Each structure stands twice: as structure tokens, then as C-alpha cells.
PDB file of N, CA and C in Angstrom:
ATOM      1  N   MET A   1     -95.312 248.990 101.102  1.00  0.00           N
ATOM      2  CA  MET A   1     -95.657 247.615 100.787  1.00  0.00           C
ATOM      3  C   MET A   1     -95.661 247.065 102.159  1.00  0.00           C
ATOM      4  N   VAL A   2     -96.782 246.285 102.355  1.00  0.00           N
ATOM      5  CA  VAL A   2     -96.762 245.516 103.710  1.00  0.00           C
ATOM      6  C   VAL A   2     -96.949 244.061 103.289  1.00  0.00           C
ATOM      7  N   ILE A   3     -96.094 243.388 103.793  1.00  0.00           N
ATOM      8  CA  ILE A   3     -96.143 241.692 103.437  1.00  0.00           C
ATOM      9  C   ILE A   3     -96.261 241.065 104.895  1.00  0.00           C
ATOM     10  N   SER A   4     -97.202 240.055 104.817  1.00  0.00           N
ATOM     11  CA  SER A   4     -97.533 239.172 105.963  1.00  0.00           C
ATOM     12  C   SER A   4     -96.662 237.837 105.554  1.00  0.00           C
ATOM     13  N   TYR A   5     -96.063 237.250 106.663  1.00  0.00           N
ATOM     14  CA  TYR A   5     -95.562 236.050 106.377  1.00  0.00           C
ATOM     15  C   TYR A   5     -95.590 235.076 107.444  1.00  0.00           C
ATOM     16  N   ARG A   6     -95.568 233.782 107.029  1.00  0.00           N
ATOM     17  CA  ARG A   6     -95.694 232.635 108.067  1.00  0.00           C
ATOM     18  C   ARG A   6     -94.560 231.764 107.781  1.00  0.00           C
ATOM     19  N   ILE A   7     -93.811 231.176 108.854  1.00  0.00           N
ATOM     20  CA  ILE A   7     -92.794 230.244 108.559  1.00  0.00           C
ATOM     21  C   ILE A   7     -93.321 228.835 109.280  1.00  0.00           C
ATOM     22  N   LEU A   8     -93.584 227.828 108.300  1.00  0.00           N
ATOM     23  CA  LEU A   8     -93.833 226.540 108.913  1.00  0.00           C
ATOM     24  C   LEU A   8     -92.873 225.463 108.998  1.00  0.00           C
ATOM     25  N   LYS A   9     -92.925 224.670 109.736  1.00  0.00           N
ATOM     26  CA  LYS A   9     -92.042 223.450 109.899  1.00  0.00           C
ATOM     27  C   LYS A   9     -92.797 222.347 110.377  1.00  0.00           C
ATOM     28  N   ASP A  10     -92.814 221.406 109.513  1.00  0.00           N
ATOM     29  CA  ASP A  10     -93.583 219.983 109.879  1.00  0.00           C
ATOM     30  C   ASP A  10     -95.059 220.433 110.194  1.00  0.00           C
ATOM     31  N   ASN A  11     -95.563 221.369 109.318  1.00  0.00           N
ATOM     32  CA  ASN A  11     -96.985 221.720 109.361  1.00  0.00           C
ATOM     33  C   ASN A  11     -97.341 222.482 110.705  1.00  0.00           C
ATOM     34  N   THR A  12     -96.308 222.836 111.270  1.00  0.00           N
ATOM     35  CA  THR A  12     -96.620 223.680 112.596  1.00  0.00           C
ATOM     36  C   THR A  12     -96.048 225.133 112.294  1.00  0.00           C
ATOM     37  N   GLU A  13     -96.667 226.185 112.716  1.00  0.00           N
ATOM     38  CA  GLU A  13     -96.203 227.510 112.525  1.00  0.00           C
ATOM     39  C   GLU A  13     -95.275 227.876 113.618  1.00  0.00           C
ATOM     40  N   LYS A  14     -94.015 228.278 113.071  1.00  0.00           N
ATOM     41  CA  LYS A  14     -92.923 228.711 114.007  1.00  0.00           C
ATOM     42  C   LYS A  14     -92.824 230.045 114.135  1.00  0.00           C
ATOM     43  N   LYS A  15     -93.094 230.821 113.156  1.00  0.00           N
ATOM     44  CA  LYS A  15     -93.005 232.388 113.295  1.00  0.00           C
ATOM     45  C   LYS A  15     -93.949 232.989 112.258  1.00  0.00           C
ATOM     46  N   GLN A  16     -94.556 234.102 112.636  1.00  0.00           N
ATOM     47  CA  GLN A  16     -95.400 234.857 111.802  1.00  0.00           C
ATOM     48  C   GLN A  16     -95.154 236.455 111.952  1.00  0.00           C
ATOM     49  N   GLY A  17     -95.447 237.239 111.115  1.00  0.00           N
ATOM     50  CA  GLY A  17     -95.265 238.602 111.372  1.00  0.00           C
ATOM     51  C   GLY A  17     -95.629 239.494 110.022  1.00  0.00           C
ATOM     52  N   THR A  18     -95.186 240.601 110.068  1.00  0.00           N
ATOM     53  CA  THR A  18     -95.487 241.555 108.944  1.00  0.00           C
ATOM     54  C   THR A  18     -94.208 242.339 108.722  1.00  0.00           C
ATOM     55  N   ILE A  19     -93.894 242.551 107.447  1.00  0.00           N
ATOM     56  CA  ILE A  19     -92.775 243.448 107.273  1.00  0.00           C
ATOM     57  C   ILE A  19     -93.287 244.523 106.209  1.00  0.00           C
ATOM     58  N   THR A  20     -92.774 245.814 106.622  1.00  0.00           N
ATOM     59  CA  THR A  20     -93.097 246.843 106.013  1.00  0.00           C
ATOM     60  C   THR A  20     -91.968 247.588 105.156  1.00  0.00           C
ATOM     61  N   VAL A  21     -92.200 247.860 103.774  1.00  0.00           N
ATOM     62  CA  VAL A  21     -91.052 248.456 103.167  1.00  0.00           C
ATOM     63  C   VAL A  21     -91.641 249.533 102.470  1.00  0.00           C
ATOM     64  N   ALA A  22     -90.851 250.771 102.611  1.00  0.00           N
ATOM     65  CA  ALA A  22     -91.311 252.048 102.082  1.00  0.00           C
ATOM     66  C   ALA A  22     -91.243 251.984 100.655  1.00  0.00           C
ATOM     67  N   ASP A  23     -92.194 252.661 100.068  1.00  0.00           N
ATOM     68  CA  ASP A  23     -92.164 252.999  98.536  1.00  0.00           C
ATOM     69  C   ASP A  23     -91.454 254.205  98.173  1.00  0.00           C
ATOM     70  N   PRO A  24     -90.323 254.168  97.439  1.00  0.00           N
ATOM     71  CA  PRO A  24     -89.474 255.222  97.268  1.00  0.00           C
ATOM     72  C   PRO A  24     -89.906 256.012  95.829  1.00  0.00           C
ATOM     73  N   SER A  25     -91.125 255.525  95.196  1.00  0.00           N
ATOM     74  CA  SER A  25     -91.480 256.156  93.952  1.00  0.00           C
ATOM     75  C   SER A  25     -91.923 257.612  94.166  1.00  0.00           C
ATOM     76  N   ARG A  26     -91.763 258.397  93.113  1.00  0.00           N
ATOM     77  CA  ARG A  26     -92.207 259.743  93.183  1.00  0.00           C
ATOM     78  C   ARG A  26     -93.248 259.805  91.959  1.00  0.00           C
ATOM     79  N   PRO A  27     -94.049 260.964  91.977  1.00  0.00           N
ATOM     80  CA  PRO A  27     -94.830 261.119  90.867  1.00  0.00           C
ATOM     81  C   PRO A  27     -94.175 261.702  89.508  1.00  0.00           C
ATOM     82  N   GLN A  28     -94.699 261.135  88.732  1.00  0.00           N
ATOM     83  CA  GLN A  28     -94.179 261.530  87.142  1.00  0.00           C
ATOM     84  C   GLN A  28     -94.990 262.521  86.652  1.00  0.00           C
ATOM     85  N   SER A  29     -94.196 263.398  85.919  1.00  0.00           N
ATOM     86  CA  SER A  29     -95.174 264.435  85.176  1.00  0.00           C
ATOM     87  C   SER A  29     -94.441 264.585  83.743  1.00  0.00           C
ATOM     88  N   LEU A  30     -95.467 264.986  82.983  1.00  0.00           N
ATOM     89  CA  LEU A  30     -95.031 265.044  81.478  1.00  0.00           C
ATOM     90  C   LEU A  30     -94.058 266.406  81.246  1.00  0.00           C
ATOM     91  N   LYS A  31     -93.136 266.168  80.777  1.00  0.00           N
ATOM     92  CA  LYS A  31     -92.073 267.242  80.551  1.00  0.00           C
ATOM     93  C   LYS A  31     -92.518 268.008  79.143  1.00  0.00           C
ATOM     94  N   PHE A  32     -92.097 269.186  78.995  1.00  0.00           N
ATOM     95  CA  PHE A  32     -92.257 269.873  77.739  1.00  0.00           C
ATOM     96  C   PHE A  32     -91.781 269.161  76.504  1.00  0.00           C
ATOM     97  N   LEU A  33     -92.774 268.953  75.464  1.00  0.00           N
ATOM     98  CA  LEU A  33     -92.454 268.228  74.247  1.00  0.00           C
ATOM     99  C   LEU A  33     -92.194 266.812  74.539  1.00  0.00           C
ATOM    100  N   GLN A  34     -92.482 266.263  75.584  1.00  0.00           N
ATOM    101  CA  GLN A  34     -92.251 264.873  75.721  1.00  0.00           C
ATOM    102  C   GLN A  34     -93.598 263.992  75.650  1.00  0.00           C
ATOM    103  N   SER A  35     -93.547 262.959  74.741  1.00  0.00           N
ATOM    104  CA  SER A  35     -94.627 262.209  74.312  1.00  0.00           C
ATOM    105  C   SER A  35     -95.062 261.438  75.608  1.00  0.00           C
ATOM    106  N   VAL A  36     -96.553 261.166  75.631  1.00  0.00           N
ATOM    107  CA  VAL A  36     -97.100 260.448  76.782  1.00  0.00           C
ATOM    108  C   VAL A  36     -96.562 258.880  76.575  1.00  0.00           C
ATOM    109  N   LYS A  37     -96.266 258.343  75.403  1.00  0.00           N
ATOM    110  CA  LYS A  37     -95.712 257.035  75.191  1.00  0.00           C
ATOM    111  C   LYS A  37     -94.239 256.996  75.975  1.00  0.00           C
ATOM    112  N   LYS A  38     -93.433 258.028  75.661  1.00  0.00           N
ATOM    113  CA  LYS A  38     -92.067 257.899  76.207  1.00  0.00           C
ATOM    114  C   LYS A  38     -92.118 258.087  77.898  1.00  0.00           C
ATOM    115  N   MET A  39     -93.043 258.904  78.214  1.00  0.00           N
ATOM    116  CA  MET A  39     -93.219 259.127  79.584  1.00  0.00           C
ATOM    117  C   MET A  39     -93.585 257.737  80.316  1.00  0.00           C
ATOM    118  N   THR A  40     -94.579 257.083  79.539  1.00  0.00           N
ATOM    119  CA  THR A  40     -95.178 255.816  80.130  1.00  0.00           C
ATOM    120  C   THR A  40     -94.024 254.735  80.153  1.00  0.00           C
ATOM    121  N   TRP A  41     -93.225 254.681  79.394  1.00  0.00           N
ATOM    122  CA  TRP A  41     -92.001 253.646  79.161  1.00  0.00           C
ATOM    123  C   TRP A  41     -91.114 253.953  80.227  1.00  0.00           C
ATOM    124  N   ASN A  42     -90.827 255.339  80.289  1.00  0.00           N
ATOM    125  CA  ASN A  42     -89.861 255.845  81.565  1.00  0.00           C
ATOM    126  C   ASN A  42     -90.485 255.276  82.850  1.00  0.00           C
ATOM    127  N   TYR A  43     -91.748 255.514  83.106  1.00  0.00           N
ATOM    128  CA  TYR A  43     -92.276 255.205  84.397  1.00  0.00           C
ATOM    129  C   TYR A  43     -92.355 253.756  84.642  1.00  0.00           C
ATOM    130  N   LEU A  44     -92.665 252.902  83.560  1.00  0.00           N
ATOM    131  CA  LEU A  44     -92.608 251.481  83.835  1.00  0.00           C
ATOM    132  C   LEU A  44     -91.311 250.909  84.029  1.00  0.00           C
ATOM    133  N   GLY A  45     -90.223 251.523  83.382  1.00  0.00           N
ATOM    134  CA  GLY A  45     -88.743 251.196  83.593  1.00  0.00           C
ATOM    135  C   GLY A  45     -88.367 251.437  85.105  1.00  0.00           C
ATOM    136  N   GLU A  46     -88.591 252.781  85.539  1.00  0.00           N
ATOM    137  CA  GLU A  46     -88.474 253.086  86.834  1.00  0.00           C
ATOM    138  C   GLU A  46     -89.304 252.192  88.043  1.00  0.00           C
ATOM    139  N   TYR A  47     -90.551 251.895  87.567  1.00  0.00           N
ATOM    140  CA  TYR A  47     -91.286 251.130  88.501  1.00  0.00           C
ATOM    141  C   TYR A  47     -90.716 249.543  88.750  1.00  0.00           C
ATOM    142  N   ASP A  48     -90.244 249.011  87.482  1.00  0.00           N
ATOM    143  CA  ASP A  48     -89.601 247.763  87.503  1.00  0.00           C
ATOM    144  C   ASP A  48     -88.448 247.755  88.588  1.00  0.00           C
ATOM    145  N   ASN A  49     -87.531 248.930  88.433  1.00  0.00           N
ATOM    146  CA  ASN A  49     -86.403 248.929  89.449  1.00  0.00           C
ATOM    147  C   ASN A  49     -86.744 248.968  90.806  1.00  0.00           C
ATOM    148  N   ILE A  50     -87.835 249.856  90.988  1.00  0.00           N
ATOM    149  CA  ILE A  50     -88.284 250.083  92.392  1.00  0.00           C
ATOM    150  C   ILE A  50     -88.791 248.719  93.034  1.00  0.00           C
ATOM    151  N   ILE A  51     -89.627 247.926  92.006  1.00  0.00           N
ATOM    152  CA  ILE A  51     -90.200 246.759  92.686  1.00  0.00           C
ATOM    153  C   ILE A  51     -89.010 245.745  93.079  1.00  0.00           C
ATOM    154  N   LYS A  52     -87.977 245.779  92.219  1.00  0.00           N
ATOM    155  CA  LYS A  52     -86.879 244.843  92.369  1.00  0.00           C
ATOM    156  C   LYS A  52     -86.070 245.237  93.693  1.00  0.00           C
ATOM    157  N   ALA A  53     -85.942 246.619  93.946  1.00  0.00           N
ATOM    158  CA  ALA A  53     -85.344 246.970  95.196  1.00  0.00           C
ATOM    159  C   ALA A  53     -86.252 246.734  96.427  1.00  0.00           C
ATOM    160  N   MET A  54     -87.406 247.024  96.191  1.00  0.00           N
ATOM    161  CA  MET A  54     -88.339 246.577  97.448  1.00  0.00           C
ATOM    162  C   MET A  54     -88.309 245.298  97.813  1.00  0.00           C
ATOM    163  N   SER A  55     -88.231 244.292  96.716  1.00  0.00           N
ATOM    164  CA  SER A  55     -88.174 242.935  97.035  1.00  0.00           C
ATOM    165  C   SER A  55     -86.839 242.504  97.675  1.00  0.00           C
ATOM    166  N   LYS A  56     -85.751 243.054  97.251  1.00  0.00           N
ATOM    167  CA  LYS A  56     -84.356 242.754  97.894  1.00  0.00           C
ATOM    168  C   LYS A  56     -84.553 243.183  99.265  1.00  0.00           C
ATOM    169  N   GLU A  57     -85.170 244.356  99.612  1.00  0.00           N
ATOM    170  CA  GLU A  57     -85.158 244.865 100.999  1.00  0.00           C
ATOM    171  C   GLU A  57     -86.048 244.038 101.843  1.00  0.00           C
ATOM    172  N   PHE A  58     -87.074 243.579 101.268  1.00  0.00           N
ATOM    173  CA  PHE A  58     -88.015 242.530 101.900  1.00  0.00           C
ATOM    174  C   PHE A  58     -87.250 241.274 102.531  1.00  0.00           C
ATOM    175  N   VAL A  59     -86.525 240.670 101.492  1.00  0.00           N
ATOM    176  CA  VAL A  59     -85.870 239.485 101.726  1.00  0.00           C
ATOM    177  C   VAL A  59     -84.886 239.753 102.803  1.00  0.00           C
ATOM    178  N   ASP A  60     -84.102 240.776 102.586  1.00  0.00           N
ATOM    179  CA  ASP A  60     -83.083 241.045 103.543  1.00  0.00           C
ATOM    180  C   ASP A  60     -83.676 241.218 105.092  1.00  0.00           C
ATOM    181  N   LYS A  61     -84.805 241.970 105.111  1.00  0.00           N
ATOM    182  CA  LYS A  61     -85.472 242.138 106.426  1.00  0.00           C
ATOM    183  C   LYS A  61     -86.088 240.765 107.016  1.00  0.00           C
ATOM    184  N   LEU A  62     -86.416 239.910 106.025  1.00  0.00           N
ATOM    185  CA  LEU A  62     -87.091 238.476 106.362  1.00  0.00           C
ATOM    186  C   LEU A  62     -85.918 237.769 107.056  1.00  0.00           C
ATOM    187  N   LEU A  63     -84.742 237.767 106.386  1.00  0.00           N
ATOM    188  CA  LEU A  63     -83.686 236.923 106.742  1.00  0.00           C
ATOM    189  C   LEU A  63     -83.092 237.376 108.138  1.00  0.00           C
ATOM    190  N   LEU A  64     -83.200 238.733 108.342  1.00  0.00           N
ATOM    191  CA  LEU A  64     -82.872 239.170 109.689  1.00  0.00           C
ATOM    192  C   LEU A  64     -83.773 238.711 110.947  1.00  0.00           C
ATOM    193  N   LYS A  65     -85.155 238.582 110.462  1.00  0.00           N
ATOM    194  CA  LYS A  65     -86.064 238.125 111.434  1.00  0.00           C
ATOM    195  C   LYS A  65     -86.041 236.610 111.688  1.00  0.00           C
ATOM    196  N   MET A  66     -85.367 235.832 110.767  1.00  0.00           N
ATOM    197  CA  MET A  66     -85.304 234.305 110.902  1.00  0.00           C
ATOM    198  C   MET A  66     -84.296 233.858 111.816  1.00  0.00           C
TER     199      MET A  66
END
């Protein structure tokens, strides 16, 4: 994930840049006798956790750059 940011103060740009956060997700495969519905719910649950972790990592990196 690549995020571009700009920090403004009194309508003037103080700082800008980009922050890159690696995506730790891995491909999902259907296991033997596993339904597609269950696999989809597992994927969505894992995806939600990955997005939360990536967001936290972004905020941490942004705070270090400030």
C-alpha cells in the first residue's frame, strides 16, 4: 500500500511525501471439504485484520516523519 500525504499549516504546505506499507496477505486456497462460503468468510476476517495492522503501521510511520 502506498499512501501520499501532505501536512498543511495555515493553508501552506509544511511537508509532503509518500509512505509504503507492505501487504502481508497470502493467497487463500480452498481446503478439502471446505465450502466456498466458509473460505470467503475466513478471507474477509483475515483481510480486515491485515487492513487494521497496515493502517496502524502507516500511522506509526507518519508520526516518525512529523
